[in-house]
Amino acid sequence: MGWKSTIDITRREAIQAIMAALDKTPYDDMTNQELESIMYDLNFGDDLDKPYFGRNFNIVDKLEEEN
């Protein structure tokens, strides 16, 4: 018997763990413009199956509250 114990995790947890391990991109260190560029490169706004379809967008640090 090995030193590790066995646990049950969901498919979602497995996928999230795999994606986090594979994606070492420092998104928190990127500028808003760099993030926008990545989103456009991934066809956000143009791809019907992704969020923001039919929209252009600007990434901002905080949304201003509407009065």
PDB file of N, CA and C in Angstrom:
ATOM      1  N   MET A   1       0.840  -1.187   0.000  1.00  0.00           N
ATOM      2  CA  MET A   1       0.000   0.000   0.000  1.00  0.00           C
ATOM      3  C   MET A   1       0.881   1.245   0.000  1.00  0.00           C
ATOM      4  N   GLY A   2       0.498   2.211  -0.824  1.00  0.00           N
ATOM      5  CA  GLY A   2       1.268   3.443  -0.954  1.00  0.00           C
ATOM      6  C   GLY A   2       1.004   4.410   0.177  1.00  0.00           C
ATOM      7  N   TRP A   3       1.716   5.511   0.144  1.00  0.00           N
ATOM      8  CA  TRP A   3       1.584   6.523   1.186  1.00  0.00           C
ATOM      9  C   TRP A   3       0.397   7.449   0.971  1.00  0.00           C
ATOM     10  N   LYS A   4      -0.189   7.428  -0.232  1.00  0.00           N
ATOM     11  CA  LYS A   4      -1.308   8.328  -0.525  1.00  0.00           C
ATOM     12  C   LYS A   4      -2.632   7.656  -0.184  1.00  0.00           C
ATOM     13  N   SER A   5      -3.572   8.469   0.285  1.00  0.00           N
ATOM     14  CA  SER A   5      -4.916   7.948   0.511  1.00  0.00           C
ATOM     15  C   SER A   5      -5.769   8.249  -0.721  1.00  0.00           C
ATOM     16  N   THR A   6      -6.868   7.551  -0.867  1.00  0.00           N
ATOM     17  CA  THR A   6      -7.754   7.707  -2.014  1.00  0.00           C
ATOM     18  C   THR A   6      -8.987   8.504  -1.612  1.00  0.00           C
ATOM     19  N   ILE A   7      -9.362   9.462  -2.484  1.00  0.00           N
ATOM     20  CA  ILE A   7     -10.578  10.242  -2.257  1.00  0.00           C
ATOM     21  C   ILE A   7     -11.420  10.216  -3.518  1.00  0.00           C
ATOM     22  N   ASP A   8     -12.688  10.494  -3.380  1.00  0.00           N
ATOM     23  CA  ASP A   8     -13.584  10.646  -4.520  1.00  0.00           C
ATOM     24  C   ASP A   8     -13.698  12.131  -4.834  1.00  0.00           C
ATOM     25  N   ILE A   9     -13.580  12.468  -6.111  1.00  0.00           N
ATOM     26  CA  ILE A   9     -13.812  13.844  -6.552  1.00  0.00           C
ATOM     27  C   ILE A   9     -14.756  13.797  -7.747  1.00  0.00           C
ATOM     28  N   THR A  10     -15.423  14.899  -7.979  1.00  0.00           N
ATOM     29  CA  THR A  10     -16.361  14.965  -9.103  1.00  0.00           C
ATOM     30  C   THR A  10     -15.609  15.173 -10.411  1.00  0.00           C
ATOM     31  N   ARG A  11     -16.292  14.903 -11.509  1.00  0.00           N
ATOM     32  CA  ARG A  11     -15.717  15.172 -12.839  1.00  0.00           C
ATOM     33  C   ARG A  11     -15.326  16.639 -12.939  1.00  0.00           C
ATOM     34  N   ARG A  12     -16.221  17.508 -12.440  1.00  0.00           N
ATOM     35  CA  ARG A  12     -15.957  18.949 -12.518  1.00  0.00           C
ATOM     36  C   ARG A  12     -14.672  19.310 -11.774  1.00  0.00           C
ATOM     37  N   GLU A  13     -14.484  18.747 -10.585  1.00  0.00           N
ATOM     38  CA  GLU A  13     -13.265  19.012  -9.823  1.00  0.00           C
ATOM     39  C   GLU A  13     -12.030  18.501 -10.568  1.00  0.00           C
ATOM     40  N   ALA A  14     -12.146  17.330 -11.197  1.00  0.00           N
ATOM     41  CA  ALA A  14     -11.025  16.777 -11.964  1.00  0.00           C
ATOM     42  C   ALA A  14     -10.679  17.680 -13.139  1.00  0.00           C
ATOM     43  N   ILE A  15     -11.693  18.118 -13.869  1.00  0.00           N
ATOM     44  CA  ILE A  15     -11.466  18.996 -15.024  1.00  0.00           C
ATOM     45  C   ILE A  15     -10.845  20.307 -14.576  1.00  0.00           C
ATOM     46  N   GLN A  16     -11.353  20.889 -13.492  1.00  0.00           N
ATOM     47  CA  GLN A  16     -10.795  22.145 -12.997  1.00  0.00           C
ATOM     48  C   GLN A  16      -9.341  21.970 -12.573  1.00  0.00           C
ATOM     49  N   ALA A  17      -9.016  20.864 -11.915  1.00  0.00           N
ATOM     50  CA  ALA A  17      -7.646  20.618 -11.476  1.00  0.00           C
ATOM     51  C   ALA A  17      -6.713  20.455 -12.674  1.00  0.00           C
ATOM     52  N   ILE A  18      -7.176  19.718 -13.678  1.00  0.00           N
ATOM     53  CA  ILE A  18      -6.365  19.510 -14.882  1.00  0.00           C
ATOM     54  C   ILE A  18      -6.136  20.828 -15.605  1.00  0.00           C
ATOM     55  N   MET A  19      -7.200  21.616 -15.770  1.00  0.00           N
ATOM     56  CA  MET A  19      -7.070  22.891 -16.481  1.00  0.00           C
ATOM     57  C   MET A  19      -6.151  23.847 -15.728  1.00  0.00           C
ATOM     58  N   ALA A  20      -6.253  23.879 -14.409  1.00  0.00           N
ATOM     59  CA  ALA A  20      -5.388  24.749 -13.615  1.00  0.00           C
ATOM     60  C   ALA A  20      -3.928  24.330 -13.749  1.00  0.00           C
ATOM     61  N   ALA A  21      -3.678  23.021 -13.791  1.00  0.00           N
ATOM     62  CA  ALA A  21      -2.303  22.532 -13.915  1.00  0.00           C
ATOM     63  C   ALA A  21      -1.729  22.811 -15.297  1.00  0.00           C
ATOM     64  N   LEU A  22      -2.569  22.742 -16.324  1.00  0.00           N
ATOM     65  CA  LEU A  22      -2.108  22.960 -17.689  1.00  0.00           C
ATOM     66  C   LEU A  22      -1.949  24.428 -18.032  1.00  0.00           C
ATOM     67  N   ASP A  23      -2.758  25.271 -17.403  1.00  0.00           N
ATOM     68  CA  ASP A  23      -2.761  26.691 -17.739  1.00  0.00           C
ATOM     69  C   ASP A  23      -1.997  27.483 -16.692  1.00  0.00           C
ATOM     70  N   LYS A  24      -0.776  27.777 -16.985  1.00  0.00           N
ATOM     71  CA  LYS A  24       0.065  28.547 -16.066  1.00  0.00           C
ATOM     72  C   LYS A  24       0.153  30.012 -16.477  1.00  0.00           C
ATOM     73  N   THR A  25      -0.787  30.482 -17.299  1.00  0.00           N
ATOM     74  CA  THR A  25      -0.788  31.866 -17.752  1.00  0.00           C
ATOM     75  C   THR A  25      -1.100  32.785 -16.570  1.00  0.00           C
ATOM     76  N   PRO A  26      -0.287  33.805 -16.334  1.00  0.00           N
ATOM     77  CA  PRO A  26      -0.503  34.707 -15.195  1.00  0.00           C
ATOM     78  C   PRO A  26      -1.560  35.788 -15.506  1.00  0.00           C
ATOM     79  N   TYR A  27      -2.808  35.397 -15.610  1.00  0.00           N
ATOM     80  CA  TYR A  27      -3.869  36.336 -15.985  1.00  0.00           C
ATOM     81  C   TYR A  27      -3.946  37.538 -15.048  1.00  0.00           C
ATOM     82  N   ASP A  28      -3.709  37.314 -13.763  1.00  0.00           N
ATOM     83  CA  ASP A  28      -3.794  38.424 -12.807  1.00  0.00           C
ATOM     84  C   ASP A  28      -2.744  39.497 -13.061  1.00  0.00           C
ATOM     85  N   ASP A  29      -1.658  39.132 -13.719  1.00  0.00           N
ATOM     86  CA  ASP A  29      -0.593  40.094 -13.992  1.00  0.00           C
ATOM     87  C   ASP A  29      -0.753  40.800 -15.334  1.00  0.00           C
ATOM     88  N   MET A  30      -1.744  40.396 -16.131  1.00  0.00           N
ATOM     89  CA  MET A  30      -1.948  40.992 -17.453  1.00  0.00           C
ATOM     90  C   MET A  30      -2.719  42.298 -17.352  1.00  0.00           C
ATOM     91  N   THR A  31      -2.496  43.157 -18.333  1.00  0.00           N
ATOM     92  CA  THR A  31      -3.281  44.387 -18.403  1.00  0.00           C
ATOM     93  C   THR A  31      -4.679  44.063 -18.916  1.00  0.00           C
ATOM     94  N   ASN A  32      -5.584  44.988 -18.723  1.00  0.00           N
ATOM     95  CA  ASN A  32      -6.944  44.805 -19.242  1.00  0.00           C
ATOM     96  C   ASN A  32      -6.929  44.656 -20.761  1.00  0.00           C
ATOM     97  N   GLN A  33      -6.059  45.383 -21.431  1.00  0.00           N
ATOM     98  CA  GLN A  33      -5.967  45.301 -22.886  1.00  0.00           C
ATOM     99  C   GLN A  33      -5.462  43.923 -23.326  1.00  0.00           C
ATOM    100  N   GLU A  34      -4.531  43.353 -22.583  1.00  0.00           N
ATOM    101  CA  GLU A  34      -4.046  42.008 -22.905  1.00  0.00           C
ATOM    102  C   GLU A  34      -5.161  40.976 -22.745  1.00  0.00           C
ATOM    103  N   LEU A  35      -5.956  41.119 -21.695  1.00  0.00           N
ATOM    104  CA  LEU A  35      -7.084  40.205 -21.486  1.00  0.00           C
ATOM    105  C   LEU A  35      -8.119  40.350 -22.600  1.00  0.00           C
ATOM    106  N   GLU A  36      -8.396  41.593 -22.997  1.00  0.00           N
ATOM    107  CA  GLU A  36      -9.331  41.821 -24.110  1.00  0.00           C
ATOM    108  C   GLU A  36      -8.837  41.134 -25.368  1.00  0.00           C
ATOM    109  N   SER A  37      -7.560  41.258 -25.645  1.00  0.00           N
ATOM    110  CA  SER A  37      -6.982  40.653 -26.836  1.00  0.00           C
ATOM    111  C   SER A  37      -7.153  39.131 -26.825  1.00  0.00           C
ATOM    112  N   ILE A  38      -6.909  38.528 -25.691  1.00  0.00           N
ATOM    113  CA  ILE A  38      -7.088  37.076 -25.573  1.00  0.00           C
ATOM    114  C   ILE A  38      -8.543  36.699 -25.820  1.00  0.00           C
ATOM    115  N   MET A  39      -9.460  37.453 -25.228  1.00  0.00           N
ATOM    116  CA  MET A  39     -10.882  37.145 -25.411  1.00  0.00           C
ATOM    117  C   MET A  39     -11.293  37.273 -26.876  1.00  0.00           C
ATOM    118  N   TYR A  40     -10.819  38.304 -27.548  1.00  0.00           N
ATOM    119  CA  TYR A  40     -11.132  38.452 -28.976  1.00  0.00           C
ATOM    120  C   TYR A  40     -10.496  37.330 -29.795  1.00  0.00           C
ATOM    121  N   ASP A  41      -9.269  36.946 -29.446  1.00  0.00           N
ATOM    122  CA  ASP A  41      -8.604  35.846 -30.151  1.00  0.00           C
ATOM    123  C   ASP A  41      -9.374  34.530 -29.991  1.00  0.00           C
ATOM    124  N   LEU A  42     -10.069  34.377 -28.869  1.00  0.00           N
ATOM    125  CA  LEU A  42     -10.868  33.178 -28.613  1.00  0.00           C
ATOM    126  C   LEU A  42     -12.304  33.315 -29.131  1.00  0.00           C
ATOM    127  N   ASN A  43     -12.559  34.374 -29.896  1.00  0.00           N
ATOM    128  CA  ASN A  43     -13.852  34.634 -30.541  1.00  0.00           C
ATOM    129  C   ASN A  43     -15.005  34.928 -29.587  1.00  0.00           C
ATOM    130  N   PHE A  44     -14.686  35.448 -28.405  1.00  0.00           N
ATOM    131  CA  PHE A  44     -15.774  35.927 -27.552  1.00  0.00           C
ATOM    132  C   PHE A  44     -16.411  37.104 -28.271  1.00  0.00           C
ATOM    133  N   GLY A  45     -17.721  37.152 -28.284  1.00  0.00           N
ATOM    134  CA  GLY A  45     -18.450  38.202 -28.985  1.00  0.00           C
ATOM    135  C   GLY A  45     -18.891  37.770 -30.366  1.00  0.00           C
ATOM    136  N   ASP A  46     -18.168  36.842 -30.981  1.00  0.00           N
ATOM    137  CA  ASP A  46     -18.504  36.365 -32.322  1.00  0.00           C
ATOM    138  C   ASP A  46     -19.042  34.936 -32.336  1.00  0.00           C
ATOM    139  N   ASP A  47     -18.688  34.140 -31.343  1.00  0.00           N
ATOM    140  CA  ASP A  47     -19.074  32.730 -31.282  1.00  0.00           C
ATOM    141  C   ASP A  47     -20.385  32.588 -30.516  1.00  0.00           C
ATOM    142  N   LEU A  48     -21.388  32.064 -31.186  1.00  0.00           N
ATOM    143  CA  LEU A  48     -22.724  31.909 -30.611  1.00  0.00           C
ATOM    144  C   LEU A  48     -22.715  31.085 -29.327  1.00  0.00           C
ATOM    145  N   ASP A  49     -21.768  30.166 -29.194  1.00  0.00           N
ATOM    146  CA  ASP A  49     -21.731  29.268 -28.046  1.00  0.00           C
ATOM    147  C   ASP A  49     -20.917  29.800 -26.865  1.00  0.00           C
ATOM    148  N   LYS A  50     -20.421  31.028 -26.970  1.00  0.00           N
ATOM    149  CA  LYS A  50     -19.636  31.607 -25.878  1.00  0.00           C
ATOM    150  C   LYS A  50     -20.360  32.817 -25.308  1.00  0.00           C
ATOM    151  N   PRO A  51     -20.023  33.172 -24.067  1.00  0.00           N
ATOM    152  CA  PRO A  51     -20.633  34.374 -23.479  1.00  0.00           C
ATOM    153  C   PRO A  51     -20.316  35.619 -24.297  1.00  0.00           C
ATOM    154  N   TYR A  52     -21.158  36.603 -24.181  1.00  0.00           N
ATOM    155  CA  TYR A  52     -21.002  37.915 -24.819  1.00  0.00           C
ATOM    156  C   TYR A  52     -21.186  37.894 -26.329  1.00  0.00           C
ATOM    157  N   PHE A  53     -21.894  36.882 -26.847  1.00  0.00           N
ATOM    158  CA  PHE A  53     -22.163  36.823 -28.282  1.00  0.00           C
ATOM    159  C   PHE A  53     -22.862  38.100 -28.717  1.00  0.00           C
ATOM    160  N   GLY A  54     -22.422  38.670 -29.837  1.00  0.00           N
ATOM    161  CA  GLY A  54     -23.023  39.875 -30.384  1.00  0.00           C
ATOM    162  C   GLY A  54     -22.582  41.144 -29.690  1.00  0.00           C
ATOM    163  N   ARG A  55     -21.563  41.046 -28.865  1.00  0.00           N
ATOM    164  CA  ARG A  55     -21.102  42.208 -28.102  1.00  0.00           C
ATOM    165  C   ARG A  55     -19.631  42.475 -28.331  1.00  0.00           C
ATOM    166  N   ASN A  56     -19.282  43.728 -28.275  1.00  0.00           N
ATOM    167  CA  ASN A  56     -17.902  44.149 -28.089  1.00  0.00           C
ATOM    168  C   ASN A  56     -17.765  44.421 -26.604  1.00  0.00           C
ATOM    169  N   PHE A  57     -16.593  44.456 -26.106  1.00  0.00           N
ATOM    170  CA  PHE A  57     -16.455  44.674 -24.670  1.00  0.00           C
ATOM    171  C   PHE A  57     -15.154  45.381 -24.356  1.00  0.00           C
ATOM    172  N   ASN A  58     -15.145  46.051 -23.225  1.00  0.00           N
ATOM    173  CA  ASN A  58     -13.953  46.641 -22.623  1.00  0.00           C
ATOM    174  C   ASN A  58     -13.821  46.009 -21.257  1.00  0.00           C
ATOM    175  N   ILE A  59     -12.635  45.641 -20.890  1.00  0.00           N
ATOM    176  CA  ILE A  59     -12.409  45.102 -19.555  1.00  0.00           C
ATOM    177  C   ILE A  59     -11.991  46.262 -18.665  1.00  0.00           C
ATOM    178  N   VAL A  60     -12.673  46.389 -17.547  1.00  0.00           N
ATOM    179  CA  VAL A  60     -12.403  47.444 -16.579  1.00  0.00           C
ATOM    180  C   VAL A  60     -12.180  46.796 -15.220  1.00  0.00           C
ATOM    181  N   ASP A  61     -11.512  47.498 -14.339  1.00  0.00           N
ATOM    182  CA  ASP A  61     -11.249  46.956 -13.007  1.00  0.00           C
ATOM    183  C   ASP A  61     -12.522  46.810 -12.185  1.00  0.00           C
ATOM    184  N   LYS A  62     -13.396  47.800 -12.274  1.00  0.00           N
ATOM    185  CA  LYS A  62     -14.664  47.784 -11.541  1.00  0.00           C
ATOM    186  C   LYS A  62     -15.726  48.429 -12.392  1.00  0.00           C
ATOM    187  N   LEU A  63     -16.932  47.911 -12.285  1.00  0.00           N
ATOM    188  CA  LEU A  63     -18.059  48.556 -12.967  1.00  0.00           C
ATOM    189  C   LEU A  63     -18.582  49.664 -12.081  1.00  0.00           C
ATOM    190  N   GLU A  64     -18.856  50.789 -12.676  1.00  0.00           N
ATOM    191  CA  GLU A  64     -19.425  51.899 -11.910  1.00  0.00           C
ATOM    192  C   GLU A  64     -20.878  51.576 -11.606  1.00  0.00           C
ATOM    193  N   GLU A  65     -21.285  51.894 -10.390  1.00  0.00           N
ATOM    194  CA  GLU A  65     -22.675  51.645 -10.024  1.00  0.00           C
ATOM    195  C   GLU A  65     -23.561  52.672 -10.711  1.00  0.00           C
ATOM    196  N   GLU A  66     -24.667  52.172 -11.265  1.00  0.00           N
ATOM    197  CA  GLU A  66     -25.617  53.070 -11.910  1.00  0.00           C
ATOM    198  C   GLU A  66     -26.503  53.694 -10.853  1.00  0.00           C
ATOM    199  N   ASN A  67     -26.813  54.972 -11.018  1.00  0.00           N
ATOM    200  CA  ASN A  67     -27.690  55.667 -10.057  1.00  0.00           C
ATOM    201  C   ASN A  67     -29.115  55.549 -10.457  1.00  0.00           C
TER     202      ASN A  67
END
